[in-house]
Amino acid sequence: MPLNLGPLGESENRFRQGFSELSRNWVVVKEHWLDSQCKKFEQERLSSIGPALARMTAAIHSFESVVRRADRELSDPDRVSEHAD
């Protein structure tokens, strides 16, 4: 019976939607916050979110691929276990 990895993909989508919403809101806030603190906040707090999201997404895809492969191998009745006695 194949594993249900749907919740994993749904979580990834929620992260992406949250990031998109944050980006849209930041554009609005930034229009009214035009000082050095704004630049500092953007550089120190916001600039790392995009790359972190990309790394997380890549890790989720890699994890999902490994789990699917393991599930296929465990479901294959013809596969001989390498650890069989």
PDB file of N, CA and C in Angstrom:
ATOM      1  N   MET A   1       0.850  -1.181   0.000  1.00  0.00           N
ATOM      2  CA  MET A   1       0.000   0.000   0.000  1.00  0.00           C
ATOM      3  C   MET A   1       0.893   1.241   0.000  1.00  0.00           C
ATOM      4  N   PRO A   2       0.764   2.089  -1.014  1.00  0.00           N
ATOM      5  CA  PRO A   2       1.627   3.276  -1.107  1.00  0.00           C
ATOM      6  C   PRO A   2       1.375   4.271   0.029  1.00  0.00           C
ATOM      7  N   LEU A   3       2.426   4.923   0.413  1.00  0.00           N
ATOM      8  CA  LEU A   3       2.319   5.946   1.457  1.00  0.00           C
ATOM      9  C   LEU A   3       1.597   7.177   0.929  1.00  0.00           C
ATOM     10  N   ASN A   4       0.881   7.842   1.805  1.00  0.00           N
ATOM     11  CA  ASN A   4       0.204   9.098   1.446  1.00  0.00           C
ATOM     12  C   ASN A   4       1.142  10.245   1.794  1.00  0.00           C
ATOM     13  N   LEU A   5       1.790  10.806   0.782  1.00  0.00           N
ATOM     14  CA  LEU A   5       2.708  11.921   0.999  1.00  0.00           C
ATOM     15  C   LEU A   5       2.053  13.259   0.695  1.00  0.00           C
ATOM     16  N   GLY A   6       0.731  13.236   0.497  1.00  0.00           N
ATOM     17  CA  GLY A   6      -0.003  14.464   0.216  1.00  0.00           C
ATOM     18  C   GLY A   6       0.211  15.559   1.252  1.00  0.00           C
ATOM     19  N   PRO A   7       0.154  15.230   2.537  1.00  0.00           N
ATOM     20  CA  PRO A   7       0.363  16.278   3.553  1.00  0.00           C
ATOM     21  C   PRO A   7       1.722  16.965   3.448  1.00  0.00           C
ATOM     22  N   LEU A   8       2.725  16.244   2.975  1.00  0.00           N
ATOM     23  CA  LEU A   8       4.048  16.845   2.802  1.00  0.00           C
ATOM     24  C   LEU A   8       3.998  17.920   1.725  1.00  0.00           C
ATOM     25  N   GLY A   9       3.381  17.612   0.601  1.00  0.00           N
ATOM     26  CA  GLY A   9       3.232  18.596  -0.470  1.00  0.00           C
ATOM     27  C   GLY A   9       2.359  19.763  -0.053  1.00  0.00           C
ATOM     28  N   GLU A  10       1.312  19.468   0.712  1.00  0.00           N
ATOM     29  CA  GLU A  10       0.431  20.537   1.202  1.00  0.00           C
ATOM     30  C   GLU A  10       1.195  21.484   2.124  1.00  0.00           C
ATOM     31  N   SER A  11       2.048  20.933   2.949  1.00  0.00           N
ATOM     32  CA  SER A  11       2.854  21.772   3.846  1.00  0.00           C
ATOM     33  C   SER A  11       3.785  22.664   3.051  1.00  0.00           C
ATOM     34  N   GLU A  12       4.394  22.114   2.032  1.00  0.00           N
ATOM     35  CA  GLU A  12       5.281  22.906   1.175  1.00  0.00           C
ATOM     36  C   GLU A  12       4.495  24.048   0.527  1.00  0.00           C
ATOM     37  N   ASN A  13       3.303  23.743   0.048  1.00  0.00           N
ATOM     38  CA  ASN A  13       2.473  24.786  -0.564  1.00  0.00           C
ATOM     39  C   ASN A  13       2.095  25.871   0.437  1.00  0.00           C
ATOM     40  N   ARG A  14       1.798  25.485   1.670  1.00  0.00           N
ATOM     41  CA  ARG A  14       1.468  26.486   2.704  1.00  0.00           C
ATOM     42  C   ARG A  14       2.666  27.386   2.990  1.00  0.00           C
ATOM     43  N   PHE A  15       3.860  26.814   3.022  1.00  0.00           N
ATOM     44  CA  PHE A  15       5.065  27.628   3.209  1.00  0.00           C
ATOM     45  C   PHE A  15       5.213  28.635   2.070  1.00  0.00           C
ATOM     46  N   ARG A  16       5.029  28.167   0.849  1.00  0.00           N
ATOM     47  CA  ARG A  16       5.158  29.049  -0.308  1.00  0.00           C
ATOM     48  C   ARG A  16       4.101  30.164  -0.278  1.00  0.00           C
ATOM     49  N   GLN A  17       2.870  29.803   0.050  1.00  0.00           N
ATOM     50  CA  GLN A  17       1.800  30.799   0.120  1.00  0.00           C
ATOM     51  C   GLN A  17       2.089  31.815   1.222  1.00  0.00           C
ATOM     52  N   GLY A  18       2.575  31.338   2.358  1.00  0.00           N
ATOM     53  CA  GLY A  18       2.929  32.241   3.450  1.00  0.00           C
ATOM     54  C   GLY A  18       4.029  33.202   3.053  1.00  0.00           C
ATOM     55  N   PHE A  19       5.031  32.678   2.339  1.00  0.00           N
ATOM     56  CA  PHE A  19       6.119  33.542   1.890  1.00  0.00           C
ATOM     57  C   PHE A  19       5.611  34.571   0.893  1.00  0.00           C
ATOM     58  N   SER A  20       4.726  34.150  -0.009  1.00  0.00           N
ATOM     59  CA  SER A  20       4.159  35.090  -0.986  1.00  0.00           C
ATOM     60  C   SER A  20       3.369  36.185  -0.282  1.00  0.00           C
ATOM     61  N   GLU A  21       2.597  35.793   0.725  1.00  0.00           N
ATOM     62  CA  GLU A  21       1.821  36.780   1.477  1.00  0.00           C
ATOM     63  C   GLU A  21       2.744  37.744   2.225  1.00  0.00           C
ATOM     64  N   LEU A  22       3.791  37.216   2.827  1.00  0.00           N
ATOM     65  CA  LEU A  22       4.765  38.063   3.515  1.00  0.00           C
ATOM     66  C   LEU A  22       5.387  39.053   2.530  1.00  0.00           C
ATOM     67  N   SER A  23       5.750  38.583   1.356  1.00  0.00           N
ATOM     68  CA  SER A  23       6.361  39.454   0.340  1.00  0.00           C
ATOM     69  C   SER A  23       5.405  40.571  -0.074  1.00  0.00           C
ATOM     70  N   ARG A  24       4.141  40.217  -0.310  1.00  0.00           N
ATOM     71  CA  ARG A  24       3.154  41.235  -0.693  1.00  0.00           C
ATOM     72  C   ARG A  24       2.969  42.262   0.417  1.00  0.00           C
ATOM     73  N   ASN A  25       2.874  41.795   1.646  1.00  0.00           N
ATOM     74  CA  ASN A  25       2.704  42.716   2.774  1.00  0.00           C
ATOM     75  C   ASN A  25       3.931  43.587   2.982  1.00  0.00           C
ATOM     76  N   TRP A  26       5.109  43.026   2.767  1.00  0.00           N
ATOM     77  CA  TRP A  26       6.334  43.809   2.941  1.00  0.00           C
ATOM     78  C   TRP A  26       6.381  44.964   1.950  1.00  0.00           C
ATOM     79  N   VAL A  27       5.933  44.731   0.726  1.00  0.00           N
ATOM     80  CA  VAL A  27       5.915  45.795  -0.277  1.00  0.00           C
ATOM     81  C   VAL A  27       5.053  46.963   0.213  1.00  0.00           C
ATOM     82  N   VAL A  28       3.917  46.653   0.804  1.00  0.00           N
ATOM     83  CA  VAL A  28       3.013  47.694   1.318  1.00  0.00           C
ATOM     84  C   VAL A  28       3.660  48.430   2.494  1.00  0.00           C
ATOM     85  N   VAL A  29       4.230  47.685   3.421  1.00  0.00           N
ATOM     86  CA  VAL A  29       4.867  48.302   4.592  1.00  0.00           C
ATOM     87  C   VAL A  29       6.035  49.181   4.165  1.00  0.00           C
ATOM     88  N   LYS A  30       6.819  48.678   3.235  1.00  0.00           N
ATOM     89  CA  LYS A  30       8.023  49.377   2.795  1.00  0.00           C
ATOM     90  C   LYS A  30       7.700  50.736   2.164  1.00  0.00           C
ATOM     91  N   GLU A  31       6.525  50.864   1.560  1.00  0.00           N
ATOM     92  CA  GLU A  31       6.115  52.143   0.964  1.00  0.00           C
ATOM     93  C   GLU A  31       5.990  53.246   2.018  1.00  0.00           C
ATOM     94  N   HIS A  32       5.712  52.860   3.256  1.00  0.00           N
ATOM     95  CA  HIS A  32       5.487  53.834   4.331  1.00  0.00           C
ATOM     96  C   HIS A  32       6.636  53.897   5.336  1.00  0.00           C
ATOM     97  N   TRP A  33       7.584  53.009   5.193  1.00  0.00           N
ATOM     98  CA  TRP A  33       8.687  52.938   6.158  1.00  0.00           C
ATOM     99  C   TRP A  33       9.980  53.171   5.379  1.00  0.00           C
ATOM    100  N   LEU A  34      10.331  54.430   5.230  1.00  0.00           N
ATOM    101  CA  LEU A  34      11.442  54.805   4.360  1.00  0.00           C
ATOM    102  C   LEU A  34      12.612  55.401   5.143  1.00  0.00           C
ATOM    103  N   ASP A  35      13.209  54.607   6.005  1.00  0.00           N
ATOM    104  CA  ASP A  35      14.371  55.104   6.736  1.00  0.00           C
ATOM    105  C   ASP A  35      15.432  54.012   6.819  1.00  0.00           C
ATOM    106  N   SER A  36      16.500  54.296   7.540  1.00  0.00           N
ATOM    107  CA  SER A  36      17.605  53.340   7.628  1.00  0.00           C
ATOM    108  C   SER A  36      17.200  52.071   8.381  1.00  0.00           C
ATOM    109  N   GLN A  37      16.269  52.184   9.313  1.00  0.00           N
ATOM    110  CA  GLN A  37      15.808  51.010  10.058  1.00  0.00           C
ATOM    111  C   GLN A  37      15.107  50.017   9.109  1.00  0.00           C
ATOM    112  N   CYS A  38      14.399  50.553   8.136  1.00  0.00           N
ATOM    113  CA  CYS A  38      13.733  49.701   7.148  1.00  0.00           C
ATOM    114  C   CYS A  38      14.769  48.883   6.380  1.00  0.00           C
ATOM    115  N   LYS A  39      15.789  49.555   5.890  1.00  0.00           N
ATOM    116  CA  LYS A  39      16.860  48.872   5.148  1.00  0.00           C
ATOM    117  C   LYS A  39      17.546  47.823   6.021  1.00  0.00           C
ATOM    118  N   LYS A  40      17.822  48.206   7.267  1.00  0.00           N
ATOM    119  CA  LYS A  40      18.489  47.295   8.195  1.00  0.00           C
ATOM    120  C   LYS A  40      17.621  46.055   8.444  1.00  0.00           C
ATOM    121  N   PHE A  41      16.337  46.280   8.691  1.00  0.00           N
ATOM    122  CA  PHE A  41      15.413  45.171   8.927  1.00  0.00           C
ATOM    123  C   PHE A  41      15.359  44.248   7.711  1.00  0.00           C
ATOM    124  N   GLU A  42      15.292  44.852   6.541  1.00  0.00           N
ATOM    125  CA  GLU A  42      15.213  44.066   5.308  1.00  0.00           C
ATOM    126  C   GLU A  42      16.482  43.229   5.121  1.00  0.00           C
ATOM    127  N   GLN A  43      17.620  43.830   5.356  1.00  0.00           N
ATOM    128  CA  GLN A  43      18.888  43.125   5.169  1.00  0.00           C
ATOM    129  C   GLN A  43      19.116  42.060   6.239  1.00  0.00           C
ATOM    130  N   GLU A  44      18.831  42.387   7.488  1.00  0.00           N
ATOM    131  CA  GLU A  44      19.150  41.476   8.587  1.00  0.00           C
ATOM    132  C   GLU A  44      18.094  40.400   8.815  1.00  0.00           C
ATOM    133  N   ARG A  45      16.844  40.705   8.520  1.00  0.00           N
ATOM    134  CA  ARG A  45      15.764  39.774   8.859  1.00  0.00           C
ATOM    135  C   ARG A  45      15.094  39.127   7.656  1.00  0.00           C
ATOM    136  N   LEU A  46      14.879  39.876   6.600  1.00  0.00           N
ATOM    137  CA  LEU A  46      14.084  39.358   5.485  1.00  0.00           C
ATOM    138  C   LEU A  46      14.904  38.730   4.360  1.00  0.00           C
ATOM    139  N   SER A  47      16.108  39.179   4.168  1.00  0.00           N
ATOM    140  CA  SER A  47      16.878  38.734   2.998  1.00  0.00           C
ATOM    141  C   SER A  47      17.199  37.240   3.013  1.00  0.00           C
ATOM    142  N   SER A  48      17.236  36.629   4.176  1.00  0.00           N
ATOM    143  CA  SER A  48      17.585  35.201   4.242  1.00  0.00           C
ATOM    144  C   SER A  48      16.381  34.278   4.072  1.00  0.00           C
ATOM    145  N   ILE A  49      15.168  34.835   4.091  1.00  0.00           N
ATOM    146  CA  ILE A  49      13.975  33.981   4.035  1.00  0.00           C
ATOM    147  C   ILE A  49      13.846  33.276   2.682  1.00  0.00           C
ATOM    148  N   GLY A  50      14.022  33.987   1.584  1.00  0.00           N
ATOM    149  CA  GLY A  50      13.903  33.374   0.259  1.00  0.00           C
ATOM    150  C   GLY A  50      14.871  32.213   0.059  1.00  0.00           C
ATOM    151  N   PRO A  51      16.164  32.422   0.292  1.00  0.00           N
ATOM    152  CA  PRO A  51      17.114  31.312   0.145  1.00  0.00           C
ATOM    153  C   PRO A  51      16.819  30.144   1.100  1.00  0.00           C
ATOM    154  N   ALA A  52      16.381  30.455   2.319  1.00  0.00           N
ATOM    155  CA  ALA A  52      16.045  29.388   3.262  1.00  0.00           C
ATOM    156  C   ALA A  52      14.853  28.581   2.757  1.00  0.00           C
ATOM    157  N   LEU A  53      13.874  29.261   2.186  1.00  0.00           N
ATOM    158  CA  LEU A  53      12.710  28.578   1.624  1.00  0.00           C
ATOM    159  C   LEU A  53      13.134  27.681   0.461  1.00  0.00           C
ATOM    160  N   ALA A  54      14.032  28.148  -0.372  1.00  0.00           N
ATOM    161  CA  ALA A  54      14.521  27.340  -1.496  1.00  0.00           C
ATOM    162  C   ALA A  54      15.241  26.088  -0.988  1.00  0.00           C
ATOM    163  N   ARG A  55      16.062  26.235   0.048  1.00  0.00           N
ATOM    164  CA  ARG A  55      16.756  25.070   0.617  1.00  0.00           C
ATOM    165  C   ARG A  55      15.766  24.088   1.229  1.00  0.00           C
ATOM    166  N   MET A  56      14.763  24.614   1.927  1.00  0.00           N
ATOM    167  CA  MET A  56      13.763  23.759   2.553  1.00  0.00           C
ATOM    168  C   MET A  56      12.969  23.000   1.488  1.00  0.00           C
ATOM    169  N   THR A  57      12.588  23.688   0.421  1.00  0.00           N
ATOM    170  CA  THR A  57      11.838  23.051  -0.656  1.00  0.00           C
ATOM    171  C   THR A  57      12.660  21.937  -1.293  1.00  0.00           C
ATOM    172  N   ALA A  58      13.934  22.187  -1.530  1.00  0.00           N
ATOM    173  CA  ALA A  58      14.813  21.158  -2.098  1.00  0.00           C
ATOM    174  C   ALA A  58      14.916  19.959  -1.163  1.00  0.00           C
ATOM    175  N   ALA A  59      15.005  20.212   0.135  1.00  0.00           N
ATOM    176  CA  ALA A  59      15.087  19.120   1.110  1.00  0.00           C
ATOM    177  C   ALA A  59      13.787  18.316   1.138  1.00  0.00           C
ATOM    178  N   ILE A  60      12.652  18.992   1.049  1.00  0.00           N
ATOM    179  CA  ILE A  60      11.364  18.294   1.024  1.00  0.00           C
ATOM    180  C   ILE A  60      11.277  17.395  -0.208  1.00  0.00           C
ATOM    181  N   HIS A  61      11.669  17.929  -1.370  1.00  0.00           N
ATOM    182  CA  HIS A  61      11.630  17.125  -2.599  1.00  0.00           C
ATOM    183  C   HIS A  61      12.561  15.923  -2.496  1.00  0.00           C
ATOM    184  N   SER A  62      13.736  16.118  -1.959  1.00  0.00           N
ATOM    185  CA  SER A  62      14.688  15.026  -1.801  1.00  0.00           C
ATOM    186  C   SER A  62      14.142  13.969  -0.839  1.00  0.00           C
ATOM    187  N   PHE A  63      13.604  14.409   0.278  1.00  0.00           N
ATOM    188  CA  PHE A  63      13.026  13.497   1.263  1.00  0.00           C
ATOM    189  C   PHE A  63      11.869  12.703   0.642  1.00  0.00           C
ATOM    190  N   GLU A  64      10.992  13.405  -0.076  1.00  0.00           N
ATOM    191  CA  GLU A  64       9.848  12.744  -0.710  1.00  0.00           C
ATOM    192  C   GLU A  64      10.324  11.685  -1.710  1.00  0.00           C
ATOM    193  N   SER A  65      11.348  12.000  -2.469  1.00  0.00           N
ATOM    194  CA  SER A  65      11.888  11.058  -3.440  1.00  0.00           C
ATOM    195  C   SER A  65      12.441   9.807  -2.754  1.00  0.00           C
ATOM    196  N   VAL A  66      13.171   9.997  -1.677  1.00  0.00           N
ATOM    197  CA  VAL A  66      13.744   8.864  -0.947  1.00  0.00           C
ATOM    198  C   VAL A  66      12.639   8.004  -0.341  1.00  0.00           C
ATOM    199  N   VAL A  67      11.625   8.634   0.225  1.00  0.00           N
ATOM    200  CA  VAL A  67      10.520   7.890   0.828  1.00  0.00           C
ATOM    201  C   VAL A  67       9.758   7.112  -0.236  1.00  0.00           C
ATOM    202  N   ARG A  68       9.484   7.722  -1.370  1.00  0.00           N
ATOM    203  CA  ARG A  68       8.782   7.016  -2.460  1.00  0.00           C
ATOM    204  C   ARG A  68       9.596   5.816  -2.952  1.00  0.00           C
ATOM    205  N   ARG A  69      10.898   6.011  -3.113  1.00  0.00           N
ATOM    206  CA  ARG A  69      11.753   4.909  -3.563  1.00  0.00           C
ATOM    207  C   ARG A  69      11.765   3.780  -2.529  1.00  0.00           C
ATOM    208  N   ALA A  70      11.896   4.116  -1.269  1.00  0.00           N
ATOM    209  CA  ALA A  70      11.887   3.108  -0.215  1.00  0.00           C
ATOM    210  C   ALA A  70      10.545   2.382  -0.174  1.00  0.00           C
ATOM    211  N   ASP A  71       9.464   3.124  -0.341  1.00  0.00           N
ATOM    212  CA  ASP A  71       8.137   2.514  -0.337  1.00  0.00           C
ATOM    213  C   ASP A  71       7.988   1.521  -1.491  1.00  0.00           C
ATOM    214  N   ARG A  72       8.475   1.907  -2.687  1.00  0.00           N
ATOM    215  CA  ARG A  72       8.415   1.000  -3.839  1.00  0.00           C
ATOM    216  C   ARG A  72       9.224  -0.271  -3.578  1.00  0.00           C
ATOM    217  N   GLU A  73      10.418  -0.085  -3.040  1.00  0.00           N
ATOM    218  CA  GLU A  73      11.282  -1.238  -2.790  1.00  0.00           C
ATOM    219  C   GLU A  73      10.698  -2.155  -1.725  1.00  0.00           C
ATOM    220  N   LEU A  74      10.116  -1.578  -0.690  1.00  0.00           N
ATOM    221  CA  LEU A  74       9.524  -2.392   0.370  1.00  0.00           C
ATOM    222  C   LEU A  74       8.251  -3.090  -0.095  1.00  0.00           C
ATOM    223  N   SER A  75       7.583  -2.527  -1.084  1.00  0.00           N
ATOM    224  CA  SER A  75       6.341  -3.110  -1.599  1.00  0.00           C
ATOM    225  C   SER A  75       6.586  -4.171  -2.657  1.00  0.00           C
ATOM    226  N   ASP A  76       7.811  -4.290  -3.149  1.00  0.00           N
ATOM    227  CA  ASP A  76       8.136  -5.229  -4.231  1.00  0.00           C
ATOM    228  C   ASP A  76       8.372  -6.622  -3.644  1.00  0.00           C
ATOM    229  N   PRO A  77       7.438  -7.574  -3.883  1.00  0.00           N
ATOM    230  CA  PRO A  77       7.588  -8.903  -3.312  1.00  0.00           C
ATOM    231  C   PRO A  77       8.744  -9.693  -3.925  1.00  0.00           C
ATOM    232  N   ASP A  78       9.189  -9.291  -5.112  1.00  0.00           N
ATOM    233  CA  ASP A  78      10.285  -9.994  -5.782  1.00  0.00           C
ATOM    234  C   ASP A  78      11.658  -9.505  -5.338  1.00  0.00           C
ATOM    235  N   ARG A  79      11.684  -8.425  -4.604  1.00  0.00           N
ATOM    236  CA  ARG A  79      12.967  -7.860  -4.169  1.00  0.00           C
ATOM    237  C   ARG A  79      13.537  -8.720  -3.047  1.00  0.00           C
ATOM    238  N   VAL A  80      14.768  -9.129  -3.201  1.00  0.00           N
ATOM    239  CA  VAL A  80      15.446  -9.938  -2.190  1.00  0.00           C
ATOM    240  C   VAL A  80      16.113  -8.989  -1.204  1.00  0.00           C
ATOM    241  N   SER A  81      15.859  -9.194   0.049  1.00  0.00           N
ATOM    242  CA  SER A  81      16.450  -8.347   1.071  1.00  0.00           C
ATOM    243  C   SER A  81      17.947  -8.582   1.143  1.00  0.00           C
ATOM    244  N   GLU A  82      18.711  -7.511   1.219  1.00  0.00           N
ATOM    245  CA  GLU A  82      20.166  -7.625   1.356  1.00  0.00           C
ATOM    246  C   GLU A  82      20.548  -8.046   2.764  1.00  0.00           C
ATOM    247  N   HIS A  83      19.600  -7.929   3.686  1.00  0.00           N
ATOM    248  CA  HIS A  83      19.894  -8.245   5.090  1.00  0.00           C
ATOM    249  C   HIS A  83      19.279  -9.577   5.505  1.00  0.00           C
ATOM    250  N   ALA A  84      18.797 -10.347   4.547  1.00  0.00           N
ATOM    251  CA  ALA A  84      18.180 -11.642   4.891  1.00  0.00           C
ATOM    252  C   ALA A  84      19.264 -12.600   5.392  1.00  0.00           C
ATOM    253  N   ASP A  85      18.878 -13.446   6.310  1.00  0.00           N
ATOM    254  CA  ASP A  85      19.837 -14.416   6.880  1.00  0.00           C
ATOM    255  C   ASP A  85      20.021 -15.588   5.984  1.00  0.00           C
TER     256      ASP A  85
END
